[in-house]
Each structure stands twice: as C-alpha cells, then as structure tokens.
Amino acid sequence: MFPAKSRSTDPRTGIERRHHLDESSLQKAIRAAARLAGIAKHVTGHTFRHSFATQLLEAGDDIRTVQELLGHQDVKTTMIYTHVLNRGAKAVRSPLD
C-alpha cells in the first residue's frame, strides 16, 4: 500500500523489487499533516483507527461488525470504543432492530 521510493535487491534471492516504507515514515507523514492542518494534539495512526470505530458506532453499526473490521478477537476489546459515546452498550444497534 505504501511502496518505497526506490527499488532494492533482496540479498537472499537476488531479485530486485520495491519494498514497503518503514512504519516510522508513515507516522512522520501523519504528524506533518496534523501540524500543517493546525492540529495541536498528538496524532497517530491509532487516532484514525479510534476515530473510525467511534464513527461506525455513532452511525449505529453493530459491535460485531466493528470488531471484525478492527480485527479484534474478543468483543470486549471493541467495547472500549463505546465509552466515548457516553451511552455504553446502548450505543450499539442490533442487526435485528
């Protein structure tokens, strides 16, 4: 998804290919974008993940869908995002509703 600018040779196979950027490069780009946007708070990739989950729950998506999208094995981990809504489990709409 985030290819490196230059190609390099794999020392094991000798095949030249484009590797992925180091995650710190992405983090630096996120910080720079936040600074340019005038956001004073600390912003990370996790900030986007948290925001995404919160938006889904606010829109009424069920907790199991959010759990699957975030890759959580235990729904208790996903339930952490419901505290932001100040509605607890009531923030989650059942697919049967």
Protein backbone atom coordinates (compact mmCIF):
# COMPACT_ATOMS: atom_id res chain seq x y z
CA MET A 1 0.00 0.00 0.00
CA PHE A 2 2.89 2.34 0.76
CA PRO A 3 5.73 1.42 -1.61
CA ALA A 4 9.24 2.70 -1.05
CA LYS A 5 10.59 5.33 -3.47
CA SER A 6 13.46 3.17 -4.70
CA ARG A 7 13.96 -0.47 -5.61
CA SER A 8 16.42 -2.74 -3.82
CA THR A 9 17.83 -6.21 -4.34
CA ASP A 10 16.76 -8.96 -1.98
CA PRO A 11 20.05 -10.42 -0.66
CA ARG A 12 18.57 -13.93 -0.34
CA THR A 13 17.08 -14.25 -3.83
CA GLY A 14 18.89 -11.57 -5.83
CA ILE A 15 15.52 -10.32 -7.11
CA GLU A 16 15.16 -6.56 -7.44
CA ARG A 17 11.88 -5.27 -6.03
CA ARG A 18 10.22 -2.35 -4.32
CA HIS A 19 9.81 -2.86 -0.59
CA HIS A 20 7.35 -1.12 1.71
CA LEU A 21 8.10 2.00 3.69
CA ASP A 22 9.09 1.68 7.29
CA GLU A 23 6.11 2.42 9.55
CA SER A 24 8.01 5.33 11.11
CA SER A 25 7.89 7.10 7.72
CA LEU A 26 4.11 6.87 7.72
CA GLN A 27 3.97 8.12 11.32
CA LYS A 28 6.17 11.10 10.42
CA ALA A 29 3.87 11.90 7.48
CA ILE A 30 0.81 11.77 9.77
CA ARG A 31 2.46 14.12 12.26
CA ALA A 32 3.47 16.53 9.49
CA ALA A 33 -0.07 16.54 8.07
CA ALA A 34 -1.54 17.21 11.52
CA ARG A 35 0.91 20.07 12.03
CA LEU A 36 0.03 21.56 8.62
CA ALA A 37 -3.68 21.24 9.44
CA GLY A 38 -3.11 23.15 12.67
CA ILE A 39 -3.98 20.23 14.94
CA ALA A 40 -2.18 20.75 18.23
CA LYS A 41 -2.97 17.33 19.71
CA HIS A 42 -0.73 14.27 19.35
CA VAL A 43 -1.96 12.36 16.26
CA THR A 44 -1.00 8.79 15.33
CA GLY A 45 -2.28 6.06 13.05
CA HIS A 46 -4.13 4.71 16.08
CA THR A 47 -6.01 8.02 16.25
CA PHE A 48 -7.53 7.25 12.84
CA ARG A 49 -8.42 3.72 13.94
CA HIS A 50 -10.13 5.02 17.08
CA SER A 51 -11.97 7.69 15.11
CA PHE A 52 -13.11 5.13 12.52
CA ALA A 53 -14.51 2.81 15.19
CA THR A 54 -16.26 5.65 17.01
CA GLN A 55 -17.85 6.93 13.79
CA LEU A 56 -19.17 3.46 12.95
CA LEU A 57 -20.71 3.06 16.40
CA GLU A 58 -22.23 6.57 16.29
CA ALA A 59 -23.78 5.68 12.94
CA GLY A 60 -25.40 2.66 14.59
CA ASP A 61 -23.27 -0.15 13.20
CA ASP A 62 -23.36 -3.25 15.36
CA ILE A 63 -20.42 -4.09 17.60
CA ARG A 64 -19.64 -7.38 15.82
CA THR A 65 -19.14 -5.57 12.50
CA VAL A 66 -16.77 -3.08 14.13
CA GLN A 67 -14.99 -5.97 15.86
CA GLU A 68 -14.42 -7.71 12.54
CA LEU A 69 -13.25 -4.56 10.76
CA LEU A 70 -10.73 -3.78 13.51
CA GLY A 71 -9.52 -7.37 13.70
CA HIS A 72 -10.25 -7.80 17.39
CA GLN A 73 -10.54 -11.39 18.57
CA ASP A 74 -12.53 -10.51 21.68
CA VAL A 75 -15.57 -8.24 21.57
CA LYS A 76 -14.53 -6.83 24.97
CA THR A 77 -11.66 -5.08 23.21
CA THR A 78 -14.09 -3.47 20.77
CA MET A 79 -16.46 -2.45 23.57
CA ILE A 80 -13.79 0.01 24.76
CA TYR A 81 -14.87 2.32 21.93
CA THR A 82 -18.41 2.58 23.26
CA HIS A 83 -17.27 4.61 26.30
CA VAL A 84 -16.60 7.60 24.04
CA LEU A 85 -20.26 7.75 23.12
CA ASN A 86 -21.32 8.01 26.78
CA ARG A 87 -24.11 5.56 26.05
CA GLY A 88 -22.43 2.27 26.97
CA ALA A 89 -23.87 -0.78 25.26
CA LYS A 90 -26.96 1.25 24.26
CA ALA A 91 -24.80 2.85 21.55
CA VAL A 92 -24.76 -0.42 19.67
CA ARG A 93 -27.70 -1.32 17.49
CA SER A 94 -28.60 -4.94 16.97
CA PRO A 95 -28.93 -6.13 13.35
CA LEU A 96 -32.37 -7.39 14.38
CA ASP A 97 -33.60 -3.87 15.27
